[in-house]
Every structure is written in C-alpha cells, then in structure tokens.
C-alpha cells in the first residue's frame, strides 16, 4: 500500500494548512555518493545549517505556518529555535533507519512494514489533531 493511500484509508487527506514539515538536515548526506549516512553532529551544529533552518522557518512563518512537524530525533531537538507561538510535533523519521532506531530495542525483532504502518497512524493522529484545532 502506498503511503498516500494509507493516509486516506486512515481518514487523513493530504490537505493541511498552517503546518511546516522539517528535517534537521536538508538532504541525505553521503560520503561516496552511493550509501547514505546520518548527518554528523558537527554538520547539524554548523552555522550554515542553523542559517538554513532559520530561513526555512521564516519562509514557513511568512506562509502562515503555526505548527511544525519535526521528522527525526535530531529535528525535534533543533526545533527549539522555532517561534514560541508554534506548536512542535516530533515524529520519528519515516526512513527505514529512522523507524528502526526509534523502535523499542532499536528495532530488534520488529518488522519494517509494521513500523511503517505505526508511523502512518502516528502521522495521521497529528494531522487530525491539527485539523481539529483549526475548526
């Protein structure tokens, strides 16, 4: 089942206003242009990344965003710099690595499909919460 179909099946339609989706790093880093890796701590704490996040959040605020969905443990940590009037919703990163790392016991004994389904349900719950606040 495609993620979009799973969201619609869960009763969540991908029309959401006032929400910005963010990640701690702007792309999947790679050292060899083949295998992806997690961003290094120094990369995340770099001045360039801090500037990028501030620009991104200023753009979001200019478009009326009041809610931030932070994908991944690190994104939730850097989200402390968003405007105080925003609500931050930390979510596990939906990549296989992010889902396995956020699962109990770092995913040992878990099926990835089950983790993906649980993530879609968690995402849908956040979207429904935001939508109910807008009414």
N, C-alpha and C. Protein backbone atom coordinates (compact mmCIF):
# COMPACT_ATOMS: atom_id res chain seq x y z
N UNK A 1 0.85 -1.18 0.00
CA UNK A 1 0.00 0.00 0.00
C UNK A 1 0.90 1.24 0.00
N UNK A 2 0.59 2.18 -0.86
CA UNK A 2 1.35 3.43 -0.93
C UNK A 2 1.05 4.29 0.29
N UNK A 3 2.04 5.07 0.80
CA UNK A 3 1.80 5.90 1.98
C UNK A 3 0.61 6.84 1.84
N UNK A 4 0.43 7.45 0.67
CA UNK A 4 -0.70 8.34 0.48
C UNK A 4 -2.02 7.61 0.63
N UNK A 5 -2.09 6.41 0.08
CA UNK A 5 -3.31 5.60 0.20
C UNK A 5 -3.55 5.22 1.66
N UNK A 6 -2.47 4.91 2.37
CA UNK A 6 -2.61 4.56 3.78
C UNK A 6 -3.16 5.74 4.58
N UNK A 7 -2.74 6.95 4.25
CA UNK A 7 -3.25 8.12 4.95
C UNK A 7 -4.73 8.33 4.67
N UNK A 8 -5.12 8.21 3.42
CA UNK A 8 -6.54 8.37 3.07
C UNK A 8 -7.37 7.28 3.74
N UNK A 9 -6.86 6.05 3.76
CA UNK A 9 -7.56 4.95 4.43
C UNK A 9 -7.72 5.25 5.92
N UNK A 10 -6.74 5.92 6.50
CA UNK A 10 -6.80 6.28 7.92
C UNK A 10 -7.70 7.49 8.16
N UNK A 11 -8.27 8.05 7.10
CA UNK A 11 -9.18 9.19 7.26
C UNK A 11 -8.48 10.53 7.24
N UNK A 12 -7.24 10.56 6.78
CA UNK A 12 -6.48 11.80 6.72
C UNK A 12 -6.21 12.12 5.25
N UNK A 13 -6.60 13.30 4.84
CA UNK A 13 -6.39 13.71 3.47
C UNK A 13 -5.24 14.70 3.44
N UNK A 14 -4.38 14.61 2.45
CA UNK A 14 -3.16 15.42 2.44
C UNK A 14 -3.37 16.89 2.09
N UNK A 15 -4.40 17.50 2.67
CA UNK A 15 -4.60 18.93 2.54
C UNK A 15 -4.53 19.48 3.95
N UNK A 16 -3.39 20.03 4.28
CA UNK A 16 -3.16 20.53 5.63
C UNK A 16 -2.65 21.96 5.50
N UNK A 17 -3.19 22.84 6.30
CA UNK A 17 -2.77 24.23 6.27
C UNK A 17 -2.07 24.58 7.58
N UNK A 18 -1.28 25.60 7.53
CA UNK A 18 -0.60 26.14 8.71
C UNK A 18 0.42 25.17 9.31
N UNK A 19 0.92 24.21 8.51
CA UNK A 19 1.86 23.21 9.01
C UNK A 19 3.12 23.24 8.15
N UNK A 20 4.26 23.12 8.80
CA UNK A 20 5.52 23.02 8.09
C UNK A 20 6.17 21.72 8.51
N UNK A 21 6.65 20.96 7.53
CA UNK A 21 7.32 19.70 7.76
C UNK A 21 8.81 19.95 7.61
N UNK A 22 9.61 19.54 8.60
CA UNK A 22 11.04 19.84 8.53
C UNK A 22 11.88 18.66 8.96
N UNK A 23 13.13 18.73 8.60
CA UNK A 23 14.12 17.75 8.98
C UNK A 23 15.33 18.53 9.47
N UNK A 24 16.18 17.89 10.24
CA UNK A 24 17.35 18.59 10.78
C UNK A 24 18.40 18.90 9.72
N UNK A 25 18.40 18.14 8.63
CA UNK A 25 19.40 18.31 7.58
C UNK A 25 18.66 18.35 6.26
N UNK A 26 19.12 19.13 5.31
CA UNK A 26 18.39 19.39 4.08
C UNK A 26 18.40 18.26 3.06
N UNK A 27 19.26 17.28 3.22
CA UNK A 27 19.28 16.14 2.29
C UNK A 27 20.00 14.98 2.98
N UNK A 28 19.89 13.82 2.39
CA UNK A 28 20.58 12.65 2.95
C UNK A 28 22.06 12.76 2.60
N UNK A 29 22.92 12.88 3.59
CA UNK A 29 24.35 13.01 3.29
C UNK A 29 24.95 11.66 2.86
N UNK A 30 26.00 11.75 2.08
CA UNK A 30 26.72 10.58 1.61
C UNK A 30 28.19 10.94 1.46
N UNK A 31 29.04 10.00 1.73
CA UNK A 31 30.47 10.23 1.54
C UNK A 31 30.94 9.73 0.17
N UNK A 32 30.24 8.72 -0.36
CA UNK A 32 30.66 8.11 -1.62
C UNK A 32 29.63 8.26 -2.74
N UNK A 33 28.60 9.06 -2.51
CA UNK A 33 27.52 9.30 -3.47
C UNK A 33 26.70 8.04 -3.78
N UNK A 34 26.83 7.03 -2.92
CA UNK A 34 26.08 5.80 -3.10
C UNK A 34 25.31 5.46 -1.82
N UNK A 35 26.05 5.36 -0.72
CA UNK A 35 25.44 4.97 0.56
C UNK A 35 25.15 6.21 1.40
N UNK A 36 23.92 6.29 1.88
CA UNK A 36 23.55 7.40 2.74
C UNK A 36 23.98 7.12 4.17
N UNK A 37 24.17 8.18 4.92
CA UNK A 37 24.54 8.09 6.33
C UNK A 37 23.78 9.16 7.08
N UNK A 38 23.76 9.04 8.37
CA UNK A 38 23.15 10.08 9.20
C UNK A 38 24.05 11.31 9.17
N UNK A 39 23.45 12.51 9.28
CA UNK A 39 24.30 13.71 9.34
C UNK A 39 25.18 13.67 10.59
N UNK A 40 26.38 14.16 10.45
CA UNK A 40 27.30 14.20 11.59
C UNK A 40 26.88 15.35 12.52
N UNK A 41 27.20 15.19 13.79
CA UNK A 41 26.85 16.20 14.79
C UNK A 41 27.40 17.56 14.39
N UNK A 42 28.63 17.59 13.91
CA UNK A 42 29.25 18.86 13.51
C UNK A 42 28.50 19.50 12.35
N UNK A 43 28.00 18.68 11.42
CA UNK A 43 27.22 19.22 10.30
C UNK A 43 25.92 19.84 10.80
N UNK A 44 25.26 19.14 11.71
CA UNK A 44 23.99 19.63 12.23
C UNK A 44 24.16 20.93 13.01
N UNK A 45 25.26 21.06 13.72
CA UNK A 45 25.50 22.24 14.56
C UNK A 45 26.22 23.35 13.80
N UNK A 46 26.42 23.18 12.51
CA UNK A 46 27.16 24.17 11.73
C UNK A 46 26.35 25.46 11.59
N UNK A 47 27.06 26.55 11.40
CA UNK A 47 26.43 27.85 11.21
C UNK A 47 25.58 27.82 9.94
N UNK A 48 26.08 27.17 8.90
CA UNK A 48 25.33 27.10 7.64
C UNK A 48 23.98 26.39 7.85
N UNK A 49 23.98 25.31 8.60
CA UNK A 49 22.72 24.60 8.83
C UNK A 49 21.78 25.43 9.70
N UNK A 50 22.31 26.12 10.68
CA UNK A 50 21.47 26.98 11.53
C UNK A 50 20.83 28.09 10.68
N UNK A 51 21.60 28.67 9.78
CA UNK A 51 21.06 29.71 8.90
C UNK A 51 19.97 29.13 8.00
N UNK A 52 20.22 27.93 7.45
CA UNK A 52 19.23 27.29 6.58
C UNK A 52 17.92 27.07 7.34
N UNK A 53 18.01 26.57 8.57
CA UNK A 53 16.81 26.34 9.37
C UNK A 53 16.07 27.64 9.66
N UNK A 54 16.81 28.70 10.00
CA UNK A 54 16.17 29.99 10.26
C UNK A 54 15.46 30.52 9.00
N UNK A 55 16.11 30.39 7.84
CA UNK A 55 15.47 30.81 6.59
C UNK A 55 14.22 29.98 6.31
N UNK A 56 14.33 28.68 6.52
CA UNK A 56 13.19 27.79 6.28
C UNK A 56 12.01 28.17 7.18
N UNK A 57 12.30 28.41 8.46
CA UNK A 57 11.22 28.74 9.40
C UNK A 57 10.66 30.13 9.14
N UNK A 58 11.49 31.06 8.68
CA UNK A 58 10.98 32.38 8.32
C UNK A 58 10.04 32.28 7.12
N UNK A 59 10.42 31.45 6.15
CA UNK A 59 9.55 31.21 5.00
C UNK A 59 8.22 30.61 5.46
N UNK A 60 8.31 29.62 6.33
CA UNK A 60 7.10 28.96 6.84
C UNK A 60 6.21 29.95 7.57
N UNK A 61 6.81 30.78 8.41
CA UNK A 61 6.03 31.77 9.16
C UNK A 61 5.37 32.76 8.21
N UNK A 62 6.09 33.15 7.16
CA UNK A 62 5.54 34.06 6.16
C UNK A 62 4.36 33.46 5.41
N UNK A 63 4.30 32.14 5.38
CA UNK A 63 3.18 31.45 4.73
C UNK A 63 2.09 31.07 5.71
N UNK A 64 2.22 31.54 6.94
CA UNK A 64 1.17 31.33 7.93
C UNK A 64 1.29 30.07 8.77
N UNK A 65 2.42 29.40 8.72
CA UNK A 65 2.58 28.17 9.50
C UNK A 65 2.56 28.47 10.99
N UNK A 66 1.88 27.63 11.73
CA UNK A 66 1.83 27.73 13.19
C UNK A 66 2.18 26.41 13.85
N UNK A 67 2.34 25.37 13.04
CA UNK A 67 2.65 24.04 13.54
C UNK A 67 3.87 23.52 12.79
N UNK A 68 4.73 22.80 13.49
CA UNK A 68 5.93 22.24 12.89
C UNK A 68 5.97 20.75 13.17
N UNK A 69 6.03 19.96 12.12
CA UNK A 69 6.24 18.52 12.26
C UNK A 69 7.73 18.29 12.05
N UNK A 70 8.41 17.90 13.10
CA UNK A 70 9.86 17.68 13.04
C UNK A 70 10.12 16.19 12.86
N UNK A 71 10.72 15.83 11.72
CA UNK A 71 10.97 14.43 11.41
C UNK A 71 12.31 13.98 11.97
N UNK A 72 12.29 13.10 12.92
CA UNK A 72 13.51 12.54 13.49
C UNK A 72 13.86 13.13 14.83
N UNK A 73 14.61 12.36 15.57
CA UNK A 73 15.02 12.74 16.92
C UNK A 73 15.82 14.05 16.89
N UNK A 74 16.72 14.18 15.95
CA UNK A 74 17.56 15.38 15.88
C UNK A 74 16.73 16.59 15.47
N UNK A 75 15.80 16.41 14.54
CA UNK A 75 14.95 17.53 14.12
C UNK A 75 14.14 18.05 15.29
N UNK A 76 13.68 17.16 16.14
CA UNK A 76 12.92 17.59 17.31
C UNK A 76 13.80 18.40 18.26
N UNK A 77 15.07 18.05 18.33
CA UNK A 77 15.99 18.81 19.20
C UNK A 77 16.27 20.20 18.66
N UNK A 78 16.45 20.33 17.34
CA UNK A 78 16.76 21.65 16.79
C UNK A 78 15.51 22.51 16.65
N UNK A 79 14.34 21.91 16.79
CA UNK A 79 13.09 22.66 16.64
C UNK A 79 12.86 23.64 17.79
N UNK A 80 13.71 23.62 18.80
CA UNK A 80 13.53 24.55 19.91
C UNK A 80 13.70 26.01 19.47
N UNK A 81 14.27 26.22 18.29
CA UNK A 81 14.51 27.58 17.81
C UNK A 81 13.35 28.17 17.02
N UNK A 82 12.26 27.42 16.84
CA UNK A 82 11.11 27.95 16.09
C UNK A 82 10.41 29.00 16.93
N UNK A 83 9.60 29.84 16.30
CA UNK A 83 8.87 30.86 17.07
C UNK A 83 8.06 30.24 18.21
N UNK A 84 8.02 30.92 19.33
CA UNK A 84 7.34 30.41 20.52
C UNK A 84 5.85 30.21 20.31
N UNK A 85 5.30 30.85 19.32
CA UNK A 85 3.86 30.72 19.05
C UNK A 85 3.52 29.45 18.28
N UNK A 86 4.52 28.71 17.84
CA UNK A 86 4.30 27.48 17.09
C UNK A 86 4.15 26.30 18.03
N UNK A 87 3.46 25.28 17.55
CA UNK A 87 3.38 24.00 18.24
C UNK A 87 4.27 23.03 17.48
N UNK A 88 5.15 22.33 18.20
CA UNK A 88 6.07 21.38 17.56
C UNK A 88 5.59 19.96 17.83
N UNK A 89 5.54 19.16 16.78
CA UNK A 89 5.15 17.76 16.87
C UNK A 89 6.34 16.91 16.41
N UNK A 90 7.07 16.33 17.35
CA UNK A 90 8.19 15.47 16.94
C UNK A 90 7.67 14.10 16.47
N UNK A 91 8.17 13.65 15.35
CA UNK A 91 7.82 12.34 14.81
C UNK A 91 9.11 11.60 14.46
N UNK A 92 9.10 10.28 14.54
CA UNK A 92 10.27 9.53 14.06
C UNK A 92 10.47 9.82 12.58
N UNK A 93 11.70 9.75 12.14
CA UNK A 93 11.95 9.93 10.71
C UNK A 93 11.36 8.72 9.98
N UNK A 94 10.62 8.93 8.88
CA UNK A 94 9.96 7.80 8.21
C UNK A 94 10.87 6.91 7.39
N UNK A 95 12.16 7.19 7.34
CA UNK A 95 13.08 6.30 6.62
C UNK A 95 13.19 4.99 7.39
N UNK A 96 13.64 3.95 6.72
CA UNK A 96 13.81 2.65 7.39
C UNK A 96 14.75 2.80 8.59
N UNK A 97 15.84 3.51 8.43
CA UNK A 97 16.79 3.69 9.51
C UNK A 97 16.16 4.45 10.67
N UNK A 98 15.41 5.51 10.36
CA UNK A 98 14.77 6.29 11.41
C UNK A 98 13.73 5.49 12.17
N UNK A 99 12.94 4.70 11.44
CA UNK A 99 11.91 3.89 12.10
C UNK A 99 12.53 2.82 12.99
N UNK A 100 13.58 2.17 12.48
CA UNK A 100 14.22 1.12 13.28
C UNK A 100 14.90 1.70 14.52
N UNK A 101 15.53 2.87 14.38
CA UNK A 101 16.21 3.48 15.53
C UNK A 101 15.22 3.97 16.58
N UNK A 102 14.03 4.37 16.16
CA UNK A 102 13.05 4.88 17.13
C UNK A 102 12.21 3.77 17.74
N UNK A 103 12.30 2.58 17.19
CA UNK A 103 11.51 1.45 17.71
C UNK A 103 12.12 0.94 19.01
N UNK A 104 11.30 0.29 19.85
CA UNK A 104 11.85 -0.29 21.07
C UNK A 104 13.00 -1.24 20.74
N UNK A 105 14.02 -1.22 21.55
CA UNK A 105 15.20 -2.07 21.36
C UNK A 105 15.85 -1.85 20.00
N UNK A 106 15.74 -0.60 19.50
CA UNK A 106 16.33 -0.18 18.22
C UNK A 106 15.89 -1.08 17.07
N UNK A 107 14.64 -1.55 17.15
CA UNK A 107 14.05 -2.29 16.05
C UNK A 107 14.32 -3.77 16.03
N UNK A 108 15.07 -4.28 17.00
CA UNK A 108 15.36 -5.72 17.01
C UNK A 108 14.05 -6.49 17.16
N UNK A 109 13.82 -7.40 16.25
CA UNK A 109 12.62 -8.21 16.30
C UNK A 109 11.39 -7.55 15.68
N UNK A 110 11.54 -6.35 15.14
CA UNK A 110 10.41 -5.63 14.54
C UNK A 110 10.38 -5.87 13.03
N UNK A 111 9.21 -5.80 12.50
CA UNK A 111 9.04 -5.86 11.05
C UNK A 111 8.90 -4.43 10.56
N UNK A 112 9.64 -4.10 9.52
CA UNK A 112 9.63 -2.74 8.99
C UNK A 112 8.23 -2.33 8.55
N UNK A 113 7.50 -3.24 7.94
CA UNK A 113 6.13 -2.91 7.49
C UNK A 113 5.25 -2.49 8.67
N UNK A 114 5.41 -3.15 9.81
CA UNK A 114 4.63 -2.79 11.00
C UNK A 114 5.03 -1.42 11.51
N UNK A 115 6.33 -1.12 11.47
CA UNK A 115 6.81 0.20 11.90
C UNK A 115 6.29 1.29 10.96
N UNK A 116 6.27 1.00 9.67
CA UNK A 116 5.74 1.97 8.71
C UNK A 116 4.26 2.23 8.95
N UNK A 117 3.50 1.18 9.20
CA UNK A 117 2.07 1.33 9.48
C UNK A 117 1.86 2.15 10.74
N UNK A 118 2.64 1.88 11.77
CA UNK A 118 2.53 2.63 13.03
C UNK A 118 2.89 4.10 12.80
N UNK A 119 3.89 4.37 11.94
CA UNK A 119 4.27 5.75 11.67
C UNK A 119 3.14 6.48 10.96
N UNK A 120 2.52 5.84 9.98
CA UNK A 120 1.41 6.46 9.25
C UNK A 120 0.28 6.78 10.23
N UNK A 121 0.00 5.87 11.15
CA UNK A 121 -1.05 6.11 12.14
C UNK A 121 -0.69 7.28 13.06
N UNK A 122 0.57 7.35 13.47
CA UNK A 122 1.02 8.45 14.32
C UNK A 122 0.95 9.78 13.57
N UNK A 123 1.40 9.78 12.32
CA UNK A 123 1.33 10.98 11.49
C UNK A 123 -0.12 11.42 11.31
N UNK A 124 -0.98 10.46 11.02
CA UNK A 124 -2.41 10.76 10.82
C UNK A 124 -3.02 11.35 12.08
N UNK A 125 -2.63 10.84 13.24
CA UNK A 125 -3.17 11.36 14.51
C UNK A 125 -2.75 12.81 14.71
N UNK A 126 -1.51 13.14 14.37
CA UNK A 126 -1.05 14.53 14.50
C UNK A 126 -1.81 15.42 13.54
N UNK A 127 -1.98 14.98 12.30
CA UNK A 127 -2.70 15.79 11.31
C UNK A 127 -4.14 16.00 11.76
N UNK A 128 -4.80 14.95 12.24
CA UNK A 128 -6.18 15.10 12.73
C UNK A 128 -6.24 16.09 13.90
N UNK A 129 -5.25 16.04 14.77
CA UNK A 129 -5.21 16.96 15.91
C UNK A 129 -5.11 18.41 15.43
N UNK A 130 -4.22 18.63 14.46
CA UNK A 130 -4.04 19.97 13.92
C UNK A 130 -5.32 20.43 13.22
N UNK A 131 -5.92 19.55 12.44
CA UNK A 131 -7.15 19.89 11.73
C UNK A 131 -8.27 20.23 12.70
N UNK A 132 -8.36 19.50 13.81
CA UNK A 132 -9.42 19.78 14.78
C UNK A 132 -9.20 21.12 15.47
N UNK A 133 -7.95 21.53 15.63
CA UNK A 133 -7.67 22.83 16.24
C UNK A 133 -8.03 23.97 15.30
N UNK A 134 -8.03 23.70 13.99
CA UNK A 134 -8.33 24.74 13.00
C UNK A 134 -9.82 24.99 12.86
N UNK A 135 -10.61 24.07 13.35
CA UNK A 135 -12.08 24.22 13.20
C UNK A 135 -12.66 25.18 14.19
